[in-house]
Amino acid sequence: AVHVLEPGLGTAEQVRAASVCKDFQSYGDLCGWDARLLRLNARHFTRVTLPLAALPSPQIKDPAAFVQDFVATFRDEQFGHAEGADLFLCTEPAFLCNAMGRAFPNRPL
């Protein structure tokens, strides 16, 4: 699993301390980090407060720029332990699943 969408966090240690992954430390590599994802995270995500729920939420500053950068970063690249995967599973956010599908067009998503 790869955890993204943590605005303002730029290192794996910061993500481990602040994300849901902190609850799964005894599971080894359940939550993984890639320096490329952390750079995209720092460049493209900001934290906002949802107007109705008044809860913090990540927001993509420029969705088109994010997809373009994500595809340029990962197209035809090895992606950690996923290099031997027959397919990729993406649950949320759907926007990120779209970017993955564009970056890995030859892998079922």
C-alpha atoms as a PDB file:
ATOM      1  CA  ALA A   1       0.000   0.000   0.000  1.00  0.00           C
ATOM      2  CA  VAL A   2       1.184   3.505  -0.690  1.00  0.00           C
ATOM      3  CA  HIS A   3      -0.103   6.393   1.361  1.00  0.00           C
ATOM      4  CA  VAL A   4      -0.332   9.815  -0.233  1.00  0.00           C
ATOM      5  CA  LEU A   5      -2.428  12.908   0.306  1.00  0.00           C
ATOM      6  CA  GLU A   6      -0.710  14.164   3.422  1.00  0.00           C
ATOM      7  CA  PRO A   7      -0.179  17.867   2.680  1.00  0.00           C
ATOM      8  CA  GLY A   8       2.923  19.428   4.113  1.00  0.00           C
ATOM      9  CA  LEU A   9       4.691  16.143   4.800  1.00  0.00           C
ATOM     10  CA  GLY A  10       7.842  15.530   2.831  1.00  0.00           C
ATOM     11  CA  THR A  11       9.549  12.559   4.454  1.00  0.00           C
ATOM     12  CA  ALA A  12       8.538   8.982   5.148  1.00  0.00           C
ATOM     13  CA  GLU A  13       9.013   9.557   8.882  1.00  0.00           C
ATOM     14  CA  GLN A  14       6.598  12.502   8.839  1.00  0.00           C
ATOM     15  CA  VAL A  15       3.987  10.460   6.965  1.00  0.00           C
ATOM     16  CA  ARG A  16       4.367   7.519   9.356  1.00  0.00           C
ATOM     17  CA  ALA A  17       3.831   9.816  12.341  1.00  0.00           C
ATOM     18  CA  ALA A  18       0.790  11.658  10.936  1.00  0.00           C
ATOM     19  CA  SER A  19      -1.099   9.217   8.715  1.00  0.00           C
ATOM     20  CA  VAL A  20      -3.339   6.224   9.265  1.00  0.00           C
ATOM     21  CA  CYS A  21      -0.238   4.101   8.609  1.00  0.00           C
ATOM     22  CA  LYS A  22       0.958   4.800  12.168  1.00  0.00           C
ATOM     23  CA  ASP A  23      -1.704   2.338  13.333  1.00  0.00           C
ATOM     24  CA  PHE A  24      -0.182  -0.474  11.247  1.00  0.00           C
ATOM     25  CA  GLN A  25       3.516  -0.283  12.186  1.00  0.00           C
ATOM     26  CA  SER A  26       3.680  -3.944  13.183  1.00  0.00           C
ATOM     27  CA  TYR A  27       2.670  -4.990   9.654  1.00  0.00           C
ATOM     28  CA  GLY A  28       6.051  -4.183   8.091  1.00  0.00           C
ATOM     29  CA  ASP A  29       5.725  -2.772   4.583  1.00  0.00           C
ATOM     30  CA  LEU A  30       1.929  -2.456   4.603  1.00  0.00           C
ATOM     31  CA  CYS A  31       2.358   1.266   4.087  1.00  0.00           C
ATOM     32  CA  GLY A  32       5.188   2.226   1.795  1.00  0.00           C
ATOM     33  CA  TRP A  33       6.662   5.485   0.638  1.00  0.00           C
ATOM     34  CA  ASP A  34       8.409   6.425  -2.526  1.00  0.00           C
ATOM     35  CA  ALA A  35      10.541   9.578  -2.696  1.00  0.00           C
ATOM     36  CA  ARG A  36       8.895  10.445  -6.011  1.00  0.00           C
ATOM     37  CA  LEU A  37       5.432  10.311  -4.432  1.00  0.00           C
ATOM     38  CA  LEU A  38       6.589  12.423  -1.518  1.00  0.00           C
ATOM     39  CA  ARG A  39       7.887  15.077  -3.936  1.00  0.00           C
ATOM     40  CA  LEU A  40       4.553  15.063  -5.816  1.00  0.00           C
ATOM     41  CA  ASN A  41       2.729  15.249  -2.494  1.00  0.00           C
ATOM     42  CA  ALA A  42       4.726  18.288  -1.375  1.00  0.00           C
ATOM     43  CA  ARG A  43       4.364  20.005  -4.741  1.00  0.00           C
ATOM     44  CA  HIS A  44       0.676  19.450  -5.445  1.00  0.00           C
ATOM     45  CA  PHE A  45      -1.319  18.961  -2.231  1.00  0.00           C
ATOM     46  CA  THR A  46      -2.461  21.449   0.360  1.00  0.00           C
ATOM     47  CA  ARG A  47      -4.706  21.041   3.401  1.00  0.00           C
ATOM     48  CA  VAL A  48      -8.078  22.736   3.456  1.00  0.00           C
ATOM     49  CA  THR A  49     -11.112  22.562   5.731  1.00  0.00           C
ATOM     50  CA  LEU A  50     -14.273  21.124   4.228  1.00  0.00           C
ATOM     51  CA  PRO A  51     -16.944  23.805   4.394  1.00  0.00           C
ATOM     52  CA  LEU A  52     -19.882  21.715   5.616  1.00  0.00           C
ATOM     53  CA  ALA A  53     -18.144  19.078   7.725  1.00  0.00           C
ATOM     54  CA  ALA A  54     -15.456  21.465   9.012  1.00  0.00           C
ATOM     55  CA  LEU A  55     -12.948  18.614   8.751  1.00  0.00           C
ATOM     56  CA  PRO A  56      -9.413  18.834   7.365  1.00  0.00           C
ATOM     57  CA  SER A  57      -8.992  17.444   3.877  1.00  0.00           C
ATOM     58  CA  PRO A  58      -6.256  17.300   1.249  1.00  0.00           C
ATOM     59  CA  GLN A  59      -6.792  19.341  -1.893  1.00  0.00           C
ATOM     60  CA  ILE A  60      -4.946  19.150  -5.202  1.00  0.00           C
ATOM     61  CA  LYS A  61      -3.876  22.685  -6.118  1.00  0.00           C
ATOM     62  CA  ASP A  62      -3.874  22.094  -9.906  1.00  0.00           C
ATOM     63  CA  PRO A  63      -5.355  18.697 -10.886  1.00  0.00           C
ATOM     64  CA  ALA A  64      -4.164  18.838 -14.507  1.00  0.00           C
ATOM     65  CA  ALA A  65      -0.604  19.647 -13.430  1.00  0.00           C
ATOM     66  CA  PHE A  66      -0.675  16.826 -10.879  1.00  0.00           C
ATOM     67  CA  VAL A  67      -1.755  14.233 -13.469  1.00  0.00           C
ATOM     68  CA  GLN A  68       0.850  15.500 -15.910  1.00  0.00           C
ATOM     69  CA  ASP A  69       3.611  15.311 -13.281  1.00  0.00           C
ATOM     70  CA  PHE A  70       2.449  11.907 -12.002  1.00  0.00           C
ATOM     71  CA  VAL A  71       2.428  10.396 -15.497  1.00  0.00           C
ATOM     72  CA  ALA A  72       5.805  11.953 -16.352  1.00  0.00           C
ATOM     73  CA  THR A  73       7.259  10.616 -13.101  1.00  0.00           C
ATOM     74  CA  PHE A  74       5.982   7.052 -13.334  1.00  0.00           C
ATOM     75  CA  ARG A  75       5.263   6.211 -16.972  1.00  0.00           C
ATOM     76  CA  ASP A  76       7.071   3.002 -17.849  1.00  0.00           C
ATOM     77  CA  GLU A  77       8.971   3.109 -14.546  1.00  0.00           C
ATOM     78  CA  GLN A  78       9.304   0.385 -11.969  1.00  0.00           C
ATOM     79  CA  PHE A  79       7.070   1.095  -8.990  1.00  0.00           C
ATOM     80  CA  GLY A  80       8.630  -0.568  -5.975  1.00  0.00           C
ATOM     81  CA  HIS A  81       7.334  -4.066  -5.287  1.00  0.00           C
ATOM     82  CA  ALA A  82       4.669  -3.723  -7.982  1.00  0.00           C
ATOM     83  CA  GLU A  83       6.959  -4.504 -10.914  1.00  0.00           C
ATOM     84  CA  GLY A  84       5.756  -8.124 -11.044  1.00  0.00           C
ATOM     85  CA  ALA A  85       2.078  -7.329 -10.468  1.00  0.00           C
ATOM     86  CA  ASP A  86      -0.478  -8.513 -12.986  1.00  0.00           C
ATOM     87  CA  LEU A  87      -2.808  -5.654 -12.101  1.00  0.00           C
ATOM     88  CA  PHE A  88      -3.017  -2.621  -9.855  1.00  0.00           C
ATOM     89  CA  LEU A  89      -5.770  -2.082  -7.311  1.00  0.00           C
ATOM     90  CA  CYS A  90      -6.687   1.495  -6.525  1.00  0.00           C
ATOM     91  CA  THR A  91      -9.500   2.338  -4.154  1.00  0.00           C
ATOM     92  CA  GLU A  92      -9.395   6.042  -3.511  1.00  0.00           C
ATOM     93  CA  PRO A  93      -9.296   8.781  -4.389  1.00  0.00           C
ATOM     94  CA  ALA A  94     -10.653   8.045  -7.842  1.00  0.00           C
ATOM     95  CA  PHE A  95      -8.669  10.961  -9.190  1.00  0.00           C
ATOM     96  CA  LEU A  96      -5.410   9.224  -8.223  1.00  0.00           C
ATOM     97  CA  CYS A  97      -6.669   5.993  -9.788  1.00  0.00           C
ATOM     98  CA  ASN A  98      -7.128   7.912 -13.045  1.00  0.00           C
ATOM     99  CA  ALA A  99      -3.527   9.146 -12.853  1.00  0.00           C
ATOM    100  CA  MET A 100      -2.295   5.591 -12.208  1.00  0.00           C
ATOM    101  CA  GLY A 101      -4.203   4.309 -15.218  1.00  0.00           C
ATOM    102  CA  ARG A 102      -2.550   6.930 -17.405  1.00  0.00           C
ATOM    103  CA  ALA A 103       0.929   6.271 -16.034  1.00  0.00           C
ATOM    104  CA  PHE A 104       0.635   2.485 -16.374  1.00  0.00           C
ATOM    105  CA  PRO A 105      -1.487   2.010 -19.504  1.00  0.00           C
ATOM    106  CA  ASN A 106      -0.390  -1.600 -19.989  1.00  0.00           C
ATOM    107  CA  ARG A 107      -1.491  -2.776 -16.540  1.00  0.00           C
ATOM    108  CA  PRO A 108      -5.108  -3.497 -15.677  1.00  0.00           C
ATOM    109  CA  LEU A 109      -6.363  -1.214 -12.922  1.00  0.00           C
END
